[in-house]
Amino acid sequence: MCHRMSPLLLSELEKAISELKFTGHARVPRRDPSVPVADAYPGTQLPLIVEGEDGYEPAQLTWGFETMQEGRPRLVFNTRIETALAQARSEKGLWAGPITQGRCLVPVRAFYESWTNEPPRRGAQMRFLLPGHAVFLLAGVFENDRFSVVTTSPNASVSPYHSRMPLVLAPGESSIWMGPDYAGLADRSRIALAHEEA
């Protein structure tokens, strides 16, 4: 379950989207190494991409939906794609509206998973990257000022370490996630990720 990622700065995302609108290609500027950027965790605000009237727009939303469970507040920060698709079909449940009307793109430099499979490394954090790309996109859903990262079954890169993974989008798949055929992206078996112990 994804609960840590390396986000972009809002200024980096704004520049990338501006360039996308001007040239047709988004490019994130090289980060100044003297500017520290903390990793993001559930409950923090981070920049992501939503569909606006004039195409993609940056938005700054809080990671995690606030819900009540057994009379206590709970922060739900991951969305199982299987659950969301079932709720979209039934038009009932927490994810029914966000998956049909609130899909978004979460740009990251990396995401992390705790090593829950194959002890003895249980609990160690693994950092996952998309080779050849300094920045890549995760599928997300949002409602109002809150968003959640969509997860799916792990592929060969992640399965030795964890039982779920974020729905990582390959180059060119952002328009599919934001369009009507998004359900076909649940299978991430063809995405090859690099990893290192954090």
C-alpha atoms as a PDB file:
ATOM      1  CA  MET A   1       0.000   0.000   0.000  1.00  0.00           C
ATOM      2  CA  CYS A   2       1.583   3.253  -1.140  1.00  0.00           C
ATOM      3  CA  HIS A   3       2.020   5.676   1.765  1.00  0.00           C
ATOM      4  CA  ARG A   4       5.124   7.622   0.755  1.00  0.00           C
ATOM      5  CA  MET A   5       6.160   9.310  -2.481  1.00  0.00           C
ATOM      6  CA  SER A   6       8.595  11.903  -3.810  1.00  0.00           C
ATOM      7  CA  PRO A   7       6.370  14.674  -5.194  1.00  0.00           C
ATOM      8  CA  LEU A   8       7.033  17.571  -7.494  1.00  0.00           C
ATOM      9  CA  LEU A   9       6.967  21.136  -6.271  1.00  0.00           C
ATOM     10  CA  LEU A  10       3.908  23.096  -7.363  1.00  0.00           C
ATOM     11  CA  SER A  11       6.185  25.498  -9.275  1.00  0.00           C
ATOM     12  CA  GLU A  12       7.737  22.558 -11.181  1.00  0.00           C
ATOM     13  CA  LEU A  13       4.317  21.221 -12.127  1.00  0.00           C
ATOM     14  CA  GLU A  14       3.058  24.657 -13.194  1.00  0.00           C
ATOM     15  CA  LYS A  15       6.060  25.079 -15.515  1.00  0.00           C
ATOM     16  CA  ALA A  16       5.577  21.609 -17.000  1.00  0.00           C
ATOM     17  CA  ILE A  17       1.878  22.183 -17.703  1.00  0.00           C
ATOM     18  CA  SER A  18       2.594  25.613 -19.169  1.00  0.00           C
ATOM     19  CA  GLU A  19       5.130  24.046 -21.526  1.00  0.00           C
ATOM     20  CA  LEU A  20       2.660  21.277 -22.411  1.00  0.00           C
ATOM     21  CA  LYS A  21       0.078  23.866 -23.464  1.00  0.00           C
ATOM     22  CA  PHE A  22       2.660  25.857 -25.441  1.00  0.00           C
ATOM     23  CA  THR A  23       4.673  23.091 -27.133  1.00  0.00           C
ATOM     24  CA  GLY A  24       2.554  19.959 -26.748  1.00  0.00           C
ATOM     25  CA  HIS A  25       5.238  18.311 -24.583  1.00  0.00           C
ATOM     26  CA  ALA A  26       5.507  18.491 -20.812  1.00  0.00           C
ATOM     27  CA  ARG A  27       9.023  18.785 -19.446  1.00  0.00           C
ATOM     28  CA  VAL A  28       9.813  19.149 -15.784  1.00  0.00           C
ATOM     29  CA  PRO A  29      12.763  21.489 -15.303  1.00  0.00           C
ATOM     30  CA  ARG A  30      15.900  20.122 -13.664  1.00  0.00           C
ATOM     31  CA  ARG A  31      15.578  20.512  -9.918  1.00  0.00           C
ATOM     32  CA  ASP A  32      18.004  22.801  -8.086  1.00  0.00           C
ATOM     33  CA  PRO A  33      19.806  20.391  -5.721  1.00  0.00           C
ATOM     34  CA  SER A  34      20.008  23.115  -3.068  1.00  0.00           C
ATOM     35  CA  VAL A  35      16.195  23.161  -2.760  1.00  0.00           C
ATOM     36  CA  PRO A  36      15.121  20.417  -0.334  1.00  0.00           C
ATOM     37  CA  VAL A  37      11.853  18.659  -1.179  1.00  0.00           C
ATOM     38  CA  ALA A  38      10.405  16.456   1.536  1.00  0.00           C
ATOM     39  CA  ASP A  39       8.733  13.177   0.705  1.00  0.00           C
ATOM     40  CA  ALA A  40       4.928  13.254   0.926  1.00  0.00           C
ATOM     41  CA  TYR A  41       2.821  11.142   3.267  1.00  0.00           C
ATOM     42  CA  PRO A  42      -0.958  10.779   3.711  1.00  0.00           C
ATOM     43  CA  GLY A  43      -2.463  13.932   5.168  1.00  0.00           C
ATOM     44  CA  THR A  44      -0.076  16.280   3.347  1.00  0.00           C
ATOM     45  CA  GLN A  45      -0.895  18.545   0.425  1.00  0.00           C
ATOM     46  CA  LEU A  46       0.826  17.946  -2.867  1.00  0.00           C
ATOM     47  CA  PRO A  47       0.469  19.094  -6.458  1.00  0.00           C
ATOM     48  CA  LEU A  48      -1.304  16.970  -9.013  1.00  0.00           C
ATOM     49  CA  ILE A  49      -3.006  17.301 -12.376  1.00  0.00           C
ATOM     50  CA  VAL A  50      -6.752  17.607 -12.946  1.00  0.00           C
ATOM     51  CA  GLU A  51      -8.832  18.158 -16.066  1.00  0.00           C
ATOM     52  CA  GLY A  52      -9.904  21.791 -16.430  1.00  0.00           C
ATOM     53  CA  GLU A  53     -11.874  23.741 -18.981  1.00  0.00           C
ATOM     54  CA  ASP A  54      -8.722  24.368 -21.035  1.00  0.00           C
ATOM     55  CA  GLY A  55      -7.068  20.971 -20.623  1.00  0.00           C
ATOM     56  CA  TYR A  56      -4.799  19.825 -17.817  1.00  0.00           C
ATOM     57  CA  GLU A  57      -4.408  22.130 -14.835  1.00  0.00           C
ATOM     58  CA  PRO A  58      -2.325  21.950 -11.651  1.00  0.00           C
ATOM     59  CA  ALA A  59      -4.134  21.559  -8.339  1.00  0.00           C
ATOM     60  CA  GLN A  60      -2.891  21.255  -4.779  1.00  0.00           C
ATOM     61  CA  LEU A  61      -4.926  18.676  -2.853  1.00  0.00           C
ATOM     62  CA  THR A  62      -4.620  16.757   0.409  1.00  0.00           C
ATOM     63  CA  TRP A  63      -3.657  13.102   0.212  1.00  0.00           C
ATOM     64  CA  GLY A  64      -6.382  10.969   1.776  1.00  0.00           C
ATOM     65  CA  PHE A  65     -10.169  10.924   2.016  1.00  0.00           C
ATOM     66  CA  GLU A  66     -11.600  11.506   5.485  1.00  0.00           C
ATOM     67  CA  THR A  67     -14.112   8.820   6.463  1.00  0.00           C
ATOM     68  CA  MET A  68     -15.660   7.457   9.645  1.00  0.00           C
ATOM     69  CA  GLN A  69     -15.129   3.817  10.566  1.00  0.00           C
ATOM     70  CA  GLU A  70     -16.620   2.336  13.730  1.00  0.00           C
ATOM     71  CA  GLY A  71     -17.306   5.849  14.996  1.00  0.00           C
ATOM     72  CA  ARG A  72     -13.722   7.010  14.527  1.00  0.00           C
ATOM     73  CA  PRO A  73     -12.204   9.221  11.814  1.00  0.00           C
ATOM     74  CA  ARG A  74     -10.009   7.405   9.312  1.00  0.00           C
ATOM     75  CA  LEU A  75      -7.849   8.611   6.449  1.00  0.00           C
ATOM     76  CA  VAL A  76      -8.194   6.458   3.310  1.00  0.00           C
ATOM     77  CA  PHE A  77      -5.273   7.253   1.032  1.00  0.00           C
ATOM     78  CA  ASN A  78      -5.279   4.330  -1.441  1.00  0.00           C
ATOM     79  CA  THR A  79      -8.081   3.189  -3.753  1.00  0.00           C
ATOM     80  CA  ARG A  80      -8.164  -0.403  -4.940  1.00  0.00           C
ATOM     81  CA  ILE A  81      -8.980  -0.288  -8.669  1.00  0.00           C
ATOM     82  CA  GLU A  82     -11.087  -3.452  -8.355  1.00  0.00           C
ATOM     83  CA  THR A  83     -13.247  -1.885  -5.627  1.00  0.00           C
ATOM     84  CA  ALA A  84     -13.572   1.421  -7.468  1.00  0.00           C
ATOM     85  CA  LEU A  85     -14.668  -0.275 -10.709  1.00  0.00           C
ATOM     86  CA  ALA A  86     -17.269  -2.377  -8.873  1.00  0.00           C
ATOM     87  CA  GLN A  87     -18.617   0.737  -7.130  1.00  0.00           C
ATOM     88  CA  ALA A  88     -18.718   2.612 -10.448  1.00  0.00           C
ATOM     89  CA  ARG A  89     -20.905  -0.164 -11.880  1.00  0.00           C
ATOM     90  CA  SER A  90     -23.247  -0.174  -8.872  1.00  0.00           C
ATOM     91  CA  GLU A  91     -23.120   3.634  -8.500  1.00  0.00           C
ATOM     92  CA  LYS A  92     -22.718   3.135  -4.734  1.00  0.00           C
ATOM     93  CA  GLY A  93     -19.787   3.503  -2.381  1.00  0.00           C
ATOM     94  CA  LEU A  94     -16.987   5.903  -1.508  1.00  0.00           C
ATOM     95  CA  TRP A  95     -15.240   5.585  -4.890  1.00  0.00           C
ATOM     96  CA  ALA A  96     -18.260   5.581  -7.250  1.00  0.00           C
ATOM     97  CA  GLY A  97     -18.130   9.345  -7.876  1.00  0.00           C
ATOM     98  CA  PRO A  98     -14.350   9.887  -7.830  1.00  0.00           C
ATOM     99  CA  ILE A  99     -13.556   7.025 -10.254  1.00  0.00           C
ATOM    100  CA  THR A 100     -16.177   8.125 -12.782  1.00  0.00           C
ATOM    101  CA  GLN A 101     -15.899  11.916 -12.444  1.00  0.00           C
ATOM    102  CA  GLY A 102     -12.706  12.691 -10.520  1.00  0.00           C
ATOM    103  CA  ARG A 103      -9.757  10.922 -12.063  1.00  0.00           C
ATOM    104  CA  CYS A 104      -6.468  12.788 -11.756  1.00  0.00           C
ATOM    105  CA  LEU A 105      -2.733  12.373 -12.378  1.00  0.00           C
ATOM    106  CA  VAL A 106      -0.176  12.327  -9.562  1.00  0.00           C
ATOM    107  CA  PRO A 107       3.334  13.250 -10.803  1.00  0.00           C
ATOM    108  CA  VAL A 108       6.168  11.755  -8.752  1.00  0.00           C
ATOM    109  CA  ARG A 109       9.888  11.152  -8.924  1.00  0.00           C
ATOM    110  CA  ALA A 110       9.517   7.916  -6.939  1.00  0.00           C
ATOM    111  CA  PHE A 111       7.136   5.963  -4.747  1.00  0.00           C
ATOM    112  CA  TYR A 112       7.918   3.675  -1.829  1.00  0.00           C
ATOM    113  CA  GLU A 113       6.553   0.371  -0.608  1.00  0.00           C
ATOM    114  CA  SER A 114       7.278  -1.382   2.658  1.00  0.00           C
ATOM    115  CA  TRP A 115       8.775  -4.820   2.147  1.00  0.00           C
ATOM    116  CA  THR A 116       5.986  -7.110   3.389  1.00  0.00           C
ATOM    117  CA  ASN A 117       6.777 -10.206   1.310  1.00  0.00           C
ATOM    118  CA  GLU A 118       9.713 -12.584   1.595  1.00  0.00           C
ATOM    119  CA  PRO A 119      11.222 -12.061   5.088  1.00  0.00           C
ATOM    120  CA  PRO A 120      13.812 -11.394   6.534  1.00  0.00           C
ATOM    121  CA  ARG A 121      13.700  -7.876   5.020  1.00  0.00           C
ATOM    122  CA  ARG A 122      10.143  -7.335   6.300  1.00  0.00           C
ATOM    123  CA  GLY A 123       9.448  -3.647   7.000  1.00  0.00           C
ATOM    124  CA  ALA A 124      12.285  -2.231   4.908  1.00  0.00           C
ATOM    125  CA  GLN A 125      11.287   0.498   2.470  1.00  0.00           C
ATOM    126  CA  MET A 126      11.876   0.002  -1.245  1.00  0.00           C
ATOM    127  CA  ARG A 127      12.061   3.019  -3.555  1.00  0.00           C
ATOM    128  CA  PHE A 128      10.600   2.491  -7.048  1.00  0.00           C
ATOM    129  CA  LEU A 129      11.453   4.545 -10.146  1.00  0.00           C
ATOM    130  CA  LEU A 130      10.493   4.417 -13.820  1.00  0.00           C
ATOM    131  CA  PRO A 131      13.762   3.888 -15.748  1.00  0.00           C
ATOM    132  CA  GLY A 132      14.557   6.631 -18.234  1.00  0.00           C
ATOM    133  CA  HIS A 133      12.107   9.074 -16.628  1.00  0.00           C
ATOM    134  CA  ALA A 134      12.952  11.558 -13.880  1.00  0.00           C
ATOM    135  CA  VAL A 135       9.215  12.080 -13.344  1.00  0.00           C
ATOM    136  CA  PHE A 136       6.315   9.714 -13.980  1.00  0.00           C
ATOM    137  CA  LEU A 137       2.584   9.619 -13.276  1.00  0.00           C
ATOM    138  CA  LEU A 138       0.441   7.628 -10.880  1.00  0.00           C
ATOM    139  CA  ALA A 139      -3.300   7.270 -11.383  1.00  0.00           C
ATOM    140  CA  GLY A 140      -5.390   9.042  -8.764  1.00  0.00           C
ATOM    141  CA  VAL A 141      -8.959   9.975  -7.921  1.00  0.00           C
ATOM    142  CA  PHE A 142     -10.191  13.110  -6.183  1.00  0.00           C
ATOM    143  CA  GLU A 143     -13.258  14.738  -4.730  1.00  0.00           C
ATOM    144  CA  ASN A 144     -13.377  18.325  -3.485  1.00  0.00           C
ATOM    145  CA  ASP A 145      -9.957  19.029  -1.938  1.00  0.00           C
ATOM    146  CA  ARG A 146      -8.933  15.387  -1.289  1.00  0.00           C
ATOM    147  CA  PHE A 147      -7.301  12.720  -3.448  1.00  0.00           C
ATOM    148  CA  SER A 148      -6.284   9.079  -3.244  1.00  0.00           C
ATOM    149  CA  VAL A 149      -3.698   7.019  -5.132  1.00  0.00           C
ATOM    150  CA  VAL A 150      -5.213   4.177  -7.159  1.00  0.00           C
ATOM    151  CA  THR A 151      -3.606   0.776  -6.552  1.00  0.00           C
ATOM    152  CA  THR A 152      -3.630  -2.499  -8.451  1.00  0.00           C
ATOM    153  CA  SER A 153      -2.107  -5.974  -8.334  1.00  0.00           C
ATOM    154  CA  PRO A 154       1.691  -5.832  -8.251  1.00  0.00           C
ATOM    155  CA  ASN A 155       3.704  -6.618 -11.346  1.00  0.00           C
ATOM    156  CA  ALA A 156       6.983  -8.555 -11.490  1.00  0.00           C
ATOM    157  CA  SER A 157       8.952  -5.489 -10.320  1.00  0.00           C
ATOM    158  CA  VAL A 158       6.932  -5.009  -7.121  1.00  0.00           C
ATOM    159  CA  SER A 159       5.506  -8.444  -6.239  1.00  0.00           C
ATOM    160  CA  PRO A 160       8.662  -9.764  -4.523  1.00  0.00           C
ATOM    161  CA  TYR A 161       8.288  -6.932  -1.993  1.00  0.00           C
ATOM    162  CA  HIS A 162       4.630  -5.966  -1.668  1.00  0.00           C
ATOM    163  CA  SER A 163       1.123  -7.261  -2.387  1.00  0.00           C
ATOM    164  CA  ARG A 164      -0.148  -4.051  -4.059  1.00  0.00           C
ATOM    165  CA  MET A 165       1.310  -1.233  -6.133  1.00  0.00           C
ATOM    166  CA  PRO A 166       0.203   2.186  -7.362  1.00  0.00           C
ATOM    167  CA  LEU A 167      -1.301   2.192 -10.830  1.00  0.00           C
ATOM    168  CA  VAL A 168       1.790   3.540 -12.623  1.00  0.00           C
ATOM    169  CA  LEU A 169       1.081   5.106 -16.004  1.00  0.00           C
ATOM    170  CA  ALA A 170       3.465   4.500 -18.883  1.00  0.00           C
ATOM    171  CA  PRO A 171       4.313   7.403 -21.216  1.00  0.00           C
ATOM    172  CA  GLY A 172       1.263   8.202 -23.336  1.00  0.00           C
ATOM    173  CA  GLU A 173      -1.247   6.616 -20.959  1.00  0.00           C
ATOM    174  CA  SER A 174      -2.332   9.764 -19.113  1.00  0.00           C
ATOM    175  CA  SER A 175      -5.026  10.504 -21.712  1.00  0.00           C
ATOM    176  CA  ILE A 176      -6.326   6.933 -21.367  1.00  0.00           C
ATOM    177  CA  TRP A 177      -6.612   7.270 -17.582  1.00  0.00           C
ATOM    178  CA  MET A 178      -8.429  10.578 -17.965  1.00  0.00           C
ATOM    179  CA  GLY A 179     -10.664   9.225 -20.751  1.00  0.00           C
ATOM    180  CA  PRO A 180     -13.519   6.701 -20.969  1.00  0.00           C
ATOM    181  CA  ASP A 181     -11.326   3.577 -21.335  1.00  0.00           C
ATOM    182  CA  TYR A 182      -9.500   3.960 -18.008  1.00  0.00           C
ATOM    183  CA  ALA A 183     -10.566   0.519 -16.699  1.00  0.00           C
ATOM    184  CA  GLY A 184      -8.252  -1.190 -19.182  1.00  0.00           C
ATOM    185  CA  LEU A 185      -5.201   0.163 -17.347  1.00  0.00           C
ATOM    186  CA  ALA A 186      -5.647  -2.062 -14.281  1.00  0.00           C
ATOM    187  CA  ASP A 187      -3.087  -4.585 -15.592  1.00  0.00           C
ATOM    188  CA  ARG A 188       0.414  -3.147 -15.040  1.00  0.00           C
ATOM    189  CA  SER A 189       2.366  -6.294 -15.901  1.00  0.00           C
ATOM    190  CA  ARG A 190       4.200  -4.583 -18.792  1.00  0.00           C
ATOM    191  CA  ILE A 191       5.550  -1.710 -16.656  1.00  0.00           C
ATOM    192  CA  ALA A 192       9.197  -2.357 -15.671  1.00  0.00           C
ATOM    193  CA  LEU A 193      10.282  -0.426 -12.585  1.00  0.00           C
ATOM    194  CA  ALA A 194      13.702  -0.007 -11.052  1.00  0.00           C
ATOM    195  CA  HIS A 195      14.037  -0.279  -7.293  1.00  0.00           C
ATOM    196  CA  GLU A 196      16.503   0.295  -4.484  1.00  0.00           C
ATOM    197  CA  GLU A 197      16.359   0.041  -0.739  1.00  0.00           C
ATOM    198  CA  ALA A 198      15.499   3.422   0.772  1.00  0.00           C
END
